[in-house]
Amino acid sequence: MKTIFLSIFLFLGIISYSQNNSSAYFNPKIDNIEKAYKYYLANKIYIFYGTQYKLHLIVKNGEKYYDLKFTADNPDNNYELQDITVLKNKELRLLFDIDSYVNQSISFDSEFYKKNAIKTTTGLPTYFSYNTPAKKRYGEYFLTVGISPVPMRKEVYNFLGLLLLDMIKK
């Protein structure tokens, strides 16, 4: 019984953290990466997706897609680049289709979830953003790893989840 109570308490704590602190946590770290890679990201469309431990920066450069994987050994540290790979997957077309996303900042208390009630939410806090060459974050989401409904196409959400789990063939 104590285990069930503790699990519920931890789950609610994660949700509370995600809702209240995600923007304050993720935005400075994302800004640091954008600043460090500003010449590489210039005039490109790119996507950030990850947790406080692992972050993917997926960049479309012409007809090629690059995945820059960053990690942090604990949430208090900045991300460090660990790997760069070329991605080849049919879902990449949808990943960079702007119509795959809801264009707004989304958290649990956003307009999207007022209209689409949350059915399931679980896991670590996540960050997602679709970034245009004009430095506009088209969709910026502060959610959890597992959530339903999602503010993007299911195929894209599934692809990002597999990428986070290192299950995408490169």
C-alpha atoms as a PDB file:
ATOM      1  CA  MET A   1       0.000   0.000   0.000  1.00  0.00           C
ATOM      2  CA  LYS A   2       2.879   2.375   0.803  1.00  0.00           C
ATOM      3  CA  THR A   3       4.368   1.617  -2.611  1.00  0.00           C
ATOM      4  CA  ILE A   4       1.127   2.566  -4.366  1.00  0.00           C
ATOM      5  CA  PHE A   5       0.857   5.796  -2.382  1.00  0.00           C
ATOM      6  CA  LEU A   6       4.502   6.666  -3.058  1.00  0.00           C
ATOM      7  CA  SER A   7       4.080   5.923  -6.783  1.00  0.00           C
ATOM      8  CA  ILE A   8       1.036   8.188  -7.000  1.00  0.00           C
ATOM      9  CA  PHE A   9       2.859  10.934  -5.085  1.00  0.00           C
ATOM     10  CA  LEU A  10       5.901  10.724  -7.390  1.00  0.00           C
ATOM     11  CA  PHE A  11       3.700  10.694 -10.489  1.00  0.00           C
ATOM     12  CA  LEU A  12       1.839  13.811  -9.346  1.00  0.00           C
ATOM     13  CA  GLY A  13       5.149  15.448  -8.513  1.00  0.00           C
ATOM     14  CA  ILE A  14       6.462  14.822 -12.019  1.00  0.00           C
ATOM     15  CA  ILE A  15       3.282  16.232 -13.561  1.00  0.00           C
ATOM     16  CA  SER A  16       3.425  19.282 -11.307  1.00  0.00           C
ATOM     17  CA  TYR A  17       7.087  19.872 -12.172  1.00  0.00           C
ATOM     18  CA  SER A  18       6.353  19.491 -15.858  1.00  0.00           C
ATOM     19  CA  GLN A  19       3.530  21.983 -15.832  1.00  0.00           C
ATOM     20  CA  ASN A  20       5.146  24.643 -13.683  1.00  0.00           C
ATOM     21  CA  ASN A  21       8.843  24.526 -14.522  1.00  0.00           C
ATOM     22  CA  SER A  22       9.306  23.144 -18.038  1.00  0.00           C
ATOM     23  CA  SER A  23       9.537  26.494 -19.779  1.00  0.00           C
ATOM     24  CA  ALA A  24      11.941  27.884 -17.174  1.00  0.00           C
ATOM     25  CA  TYR A  25      14.000  24.693 -17.329  1.00  0.00           C
ATOM     26  CA  PHE A  26      14.167  23.972 -21.065  1.00  0.00           C
ATOM     27  CA  ASN A  27      14.223  27.429 -22.695  1.00  0.00           C
ATOM     28  CA  PRO A  28      17.623  28.569 -21.331  1.00  0.00           C
ATOM     29  CA  LYS A  29      19.187  25.230 -22.291  1.00  0.00           C
ATOM     30  CA  ILE A  30      17.691  25.377 -25.802  1.00  0.00           C
ATOM     31  CA  ASP A  31      18.827  29.004 -26.145  1.00  0.00           C
ATOM     32  CA  ASN A  32      22.399  27.942 -25.196  1.00  0.00           C
ATOM     33  CA  ILE A  33      22.446  25.270 -27.900  1.00  0.00           C
ATOM     34  CA  GLU A  34      21.029  27.654 -30.502  1.00  0.00           C
ATOM     35  CA  LYS A  35      23.670  30.223 -29.594  1.00  0.00           C
ATOM     36  CA  ALA A  36      26.509  27.674 -29.733  1.00  0.00           C
ATOM     37  CA  TYR A  37      25.353  26.318 -33.126  1.00  0.00           C
ATOM     38  CA  LYS A  38      23.998  29.546 -34.623  1.00  0.00           C
ATOM     39  CA  TYR A  39      26.126  29.344 -37.770  1.00  0.00           C
ATOM     40  CA  TYR A  40      25.168  25.721 -38.400  1.00  0.00           C
ATOM     41  CA  LEU A  41      21.458  26.431 -37.769  1.00  0.00           C
ATOM     42  CA  ALA A  42      21.360  29.611 -39.883  1.00  0.00           C
ATOM     43  CA  ASN A  43      18.728  29.419 -42.630  1.00  0.00           C
ATOM     44  CA  LYS A  44      17.680  25.888 -41.660  1.00  0.00           C
ATOM     45  CA  ILE A  45      14.560  24.280 -40.265  1.00  0.00           C
ATOM     46  CA  TYR A  46      15.231  22.245 -37.132  1.00  0.00           C
ATOM     47  CA  ILE A  47      13.426  20.399 -34.380  1.00  0.00           C
ATOM     48  CA  PHE A  48      14.261  19.922 -30.724  1.00  0.00           C
ATOM     49  CA  TYR A  49      12.817  16.973 -28.822  1.00  0.00           C
ATOM     50  CA  GLY A  50      13.905  15.435 -25.561  1.00  0.00           C
ATOM     51  CA  THR A  51      13.909  15.136 -21.803  1.00  0.00           C
ATOM     52  CA  GLN A  52      16.179  16.740 -19.234  1.00  0.00           C
ATOM     53  CA  TYR A  53      18.635  13.848 -19.774  1.00  0.00           C
ATOM     54  CA  LYS A  54      18.645  13.471 -23.558  1.00  0.00           C
ATOM     55  CA  LEU A  55      17.873  15.993 -26.286  1.00  0.00           C
ATOM     56  CA  HIS A  56      17.769  15.539 -30.051  1.00  0.00           C
ATOM     57  CA  LEU A  57      18.360  18.422 -32.430  1.00  0.00           C
ATOM     58  CA  ILE A  58      17.176  17.264 -35.852  1.00  0.00           C
ATOM     59  CA  VAL A  59      18.295  19.542 -38.676  1.00  0.00           C
ATOM     60  CA  LYS A  60      17.124  19.543 -42.271  1.00  0.00           C
ATOM     61  CA  ASN A  61      20.056  20.534 -44.465  1.00  0.00           C
ATOM     62  CA  GLY A  62      18.998  20.385 -48.092  1.00  0.00           C
ATOM     63  CA  GLU A  63      17.761  16.836 -48.682  1.00  0.00           C
ATOM     64  CA  LYS A  64      19.632  15.387 -45.702  1.00  0.00           C
ATOM     65  CA  TYR A  65      18.558  15.132 -42.085  1.00  0.00           C
ATOM     66  CA  TYR A  66      21.042  15.251 -39.229  1.00  0.00           C
ATOM     67  CA  ASP A  67      20.442  14.174 -35.650  1.00  0.00           C
ATOM     68  CA  LEU A  68      22.634  15.886 -33.072  1.00  0.00           C
ATOM     69  CA  LYS A  69      22.195  13.987 -29.828  1.00  0.00           C
ATOM     70  CA  PHE A  70      22.938  15.825 -26.594  1.00  0.00           C
ATOM     71  CA  THR A  71      22.970  14.342 -23.102  1.00  0.00           C
ATOM     72  CA  ALA A  72      23.172  15.644 -19.548  1.00  0.00           C
ATOM     73  CA  ASP A  73      24.215  13.377 -16.709  1.00  0.00           C
ATOM     74  CA  ASN A  74      21.838  15.196 -14.372  1.00  0.00           C
ATOM     75  CA  PRO A  75      19.144  17.848 -14.850  1.00  0.00           C
ATOM     76  CA  ASP A  76      21.305  20.616 -13.337  1.00  0.00           C
ATOM     77  CA  ASN A  77      23.990  20.327 -16.032  1.00  0.00           C
ATOM     78  CA  ASN A  78      23.939  21.723 -19.536  1.00  0.00           C
ATOM     79  CA  TYR A  79      23.601  19.355 -22.462  1.00  0.00           C
ATOM     80  CA  GLU A  80      26.775  18.096 -24.123  1.00  0.00           C
ATOM     81  CA  LEU A  81      26.956  16.895 -27.720  1.00  0.00           C
ATOM     82  CA  GLN A  82      27.430  13.103 -27.809  1.00  0.00           C
ATOM     83  CA  ASP A  83      26.799  12.067 -31.392  1.00  0.00           C
ATOM     84  CA  ILE A  84      25.889  13.289 -34.879  1.00  0.00           C
ATOM     85  CA  THR A  85      24.231  10.916 -37.322  1.00  0.00           C
ATOM     86  CA  VAL A  86      22.453  11.117 -40.648  1.00  0.00           C
ATOM     87  CA  LEU A  87      18.836   9.979 -40.381  1.00  0.00           C
ATOM     88  CA  LYS A  88      17.120   8.036 -43.147  1.00  0.00           C
ATOM     89  CA  ASN A  89      13.494   7.302 -42.415  1.00  0.00           C
ATOM     90  CA  LYS A  90      10.216   7.786 -44.252  1.00  0.00           C
ATOM     91  CA  GLU A  91       8.765   9.657 -41.252  1.00  0.00           C
ATOM     92  CA  LEU A  92      11.247  12.520 -41.722  1.00  0.00           C
ATOM     93  CA  ARG A  93       9.045  13.979 -44.451  1.00  0.00           C
ATOM     94  CA  LEU A  94       6.185  14.251 -41.946  1.00  0.00           C
ATOM     95  CA  LEU A  95       8.534  15.421 -39.204  1.00  0.00           C
ATOM     96  CA  PHE A  96       9.381  18.516 -41.228  1.00  0.00           C
ATOM     97  CA  ASP A  97       5.835  19.086 -42.522  1.00  0.00           C
ATOM     98  CA  ILE A  98       4.620  22.108 -40.562  1.00  0.00           C
ATOM     99  CA  ASP A  99       1.043  20.858 -40.878  1.00  0.00           C
ATOM    100  CA  SER A 100       1.966  17.930 -38.595  1.00  0.00           C
ATOM    101  CA  TYR A 101       1.820  20.222 -35.551  1.00  0.00           C
ATOM    102  CA  VAL A 102      -0.526  22.473 -33.605  1.00  0.00           C
ATOM    103  CA  ASN A 103       0.894  26.004 -33.813  1.00  0.00           C
ATOM    104  CA  GLN A 104       0.909  27.211 -30.226  1.00  0.00           C
ATOM    105  CA  SER A 105       2.790  26.857 -27.003  1.00  0.00           C
ATOM    106  CA  ILE A 106       1.325  23.796 -25.350  1.00  0.00           C
ATOM    107  CA  SER A 107       1.377  22.651 -21.757  1.00  0.00           C
ATOM    108  CA  PHE A 108      -1.225  20.787 -19.723  1.00  0.00           C
ATOM    109  CA  ASP A 109      -3.229  23.955 -19.125  1.00  0.00           C
ATOM    110  CA  SER A 110      -3.103  25.238 -22.720  1.00  0.00           C
ATOM    111  CA  GLU A 111      -6.072  25.819 -24.997  1.00  0.00           C
ATOM    112  CA  PHE A 112      -5.328  22.574 -26.873  1.00  0.00           C
ATOM    113  CA  TYR A 113      -5.976  20.479 -23.760  1.00  0.00           C
ATOM    114  CA  LYS A 114      -8.998  22.519 -22.767  1.00  0.00           C
ATOM    115  CA  LYS A 115     -10.546  21.408 -26.065  1.00  0.00           C
ATOM    116  CA  ASN A 116      -8.978  17.900 -26.073  1.00  0.00           C
ATOM    117  CA  ALA A 117      -9.106  16.399 -22.592  1.00  0.00           C
ATOM    118  CA  ILE A 118      -6.004  14.519 -21.491  1.00  0.00           C
ATOM    119  CA  LYS A 119      -6.635  10.777 -21.431  1.00  0.00           C
ATOM    120  CA  THR A 120      -3.158   9.587 -20.423  1.00  0.00           C
ATOM    121  CA  THR A 121       0.035  11.211 -19.228  1.00  0.00           C
ATOM    122  CA  THR A 122       3.146   9.501 -17.914  1.00  0.00           C
ATOM    123  CA  GLY A 123       6.905   9.804 -17.847  1.00  0.00           C
ATOM    124  CA  LEU A 124       9.534  12.493 -17.704  1.00  0.00           C
ATOM    125  CA  PRO A 125       8.890  16.085 -18.753  1.00  0.00           C
ATOM    126  CA  THR A 126       9.660  16.660 -22.424  1.00  0.00           C
ATOM    127  CA  TYR A 127      10.381  19.597 -24.682  1.00  0.00           C
ATOM    128  CA  PHE A 128       9.494  19.886 -28.364  1.00  0.00           C
ATOM    129  CA  SER A 129       9.843  22.782 -30.792  1.00  0.00           C
ATOM    130  CA  TYR A 130       9.680  23.195 -34.566  1.00  0.00           C
ATOM    131  CA  ASN A 131      11.996  26.053 -35.501  1.00  0.00           C
ATOM    132  CA  THR A 132      11.993  28.049 -38.721  1.00  0.00           C
ATOM    133  CA  PRO A 133      14.938  29.886 -40.312  1.00  0.00           C
ATOM    134  CA  ALA A 134      13.339  33.139 -39.118  1.00  0.00           C
ATOM    135  CA  LYS A 135      14.020  31.999 -35.520  1.00  0.00           C
ATOM    136  CA  LYS A 136      10.328  31.389 -34.887  1.00  0.00           C
ATOM    137  CA  ARG A 137       9.350  28.462 -32.702  1.00  0.00           C
ATOM    138  CA  TYR A 138       6.280  27.302 -34.548  1.00  0.00           C
ATOM    139  CA  GLY A 139       5.082  24.778 -32.005  1.00  0.00           C
ATOM    140  CA  GLU A 140       6.579  24.649 -28.540  1.00  0.00           C
ATOM    141  CA  TYR A 141       5.343  21.880 -26.284  1.00  0.00           C
ATOM    142  CA  PHE A 142       6.056  21.252 -22.599  1.00  0.00           C
ATOM    143  CA  LEU A 143       4.508  17.848 -21.889  1.00  0.00           C
ATOM    144  CA  THR A 144       5.543  14.351 -20.748  1.00  0.00           C
ATOM    145  CA  VAL A 145       7.025  11.428 -22.665  1.00  0.00           C
ATOM    146  CA  GLY A 146       3.705   9.572 -22.786  1.00  0.00           C
ATOM    147  CA  ILE A 147       0.597  11.674 -23.356  1.00  0.00           C
ATOM    148  CA  SER A 148      -2.705  11.293 -25.138  1.00  0.00           C
ATOM    149  CA  PRO A 149      -3.954  13.072 -27.140  1.00  0.00           C
ATOM    150  CA  VAL A 150      -0.852  14.557 -28.742  1.00  0.00           C
ATOM    151  CA  PRO A 151      -0.663  17.950 -30.487  1.00  0.00           C
ATOM    152  CA  MET A 152       1.000  16.431 -33.553  1.00  0.00           C
ATOM    153  CA  ARG A 153       0.437  13.626 -36.042  1.00  0.00           C
ATOM    154  CA  LYS A 154       0.621  10.210 -34.407  1.00  0.00           C
ATOM    155  CA  GLU A 155       3.295   9.016 -36.871  1.00  0.00           C
ATOM    156  CA  VAL A 156       5.526  11.937 -35.887  1.00  0.00           C
ATOM    157  CA  TYR A 157       4.908  11.378 -32.167  1.00  0.00           C
ATOM    158  CA  ASN A 158       5.759   7.675 -32.531  1.00  0.00           C
ATOM    159  CA  PHE A 159       8.914   8.479 -34.512  1.00  0.00           C
ATOM    160  CA  LEU A 160      10.104  10.968 -31.876  1.00  0.00           C
ATOM    161  CA  GLY A 161       9.428   8.465 -29.101  1.00  0.00           C
ATOM    162  CA  LEU A 162      11.452   5.774 -30.873  1.00  0.00           C
ATOM    163  CA  LEU A 163      14.239   8.288 -31.521  1.00  0.00           C
ATOM    164  CA  LEU A 164      14.349   9.121 -27.822  1.00  0.00           C
ATOM    165  CA  LEU A 165      14.644   5.403 -27.046  1.00  0.00           C
ATOM    166  CA  ASP A 166      17.460   5.035 -29.628  1.00  0.00           C
ATOM    167  CA  MET A 167      15.341   2.623 -31.641  1.00  0.00           C
ATOM    168  CA  ILE A 168      15.515   4.429 -34.995  1.00  0.00           C
ATOM    169  CA  LYS A 169      17.800   2.760 -37.520  1.00  0.00           C
ATOM    170  CA  LYS A 170      20.406   5.193 -38.740  1.00  0.00           C
END
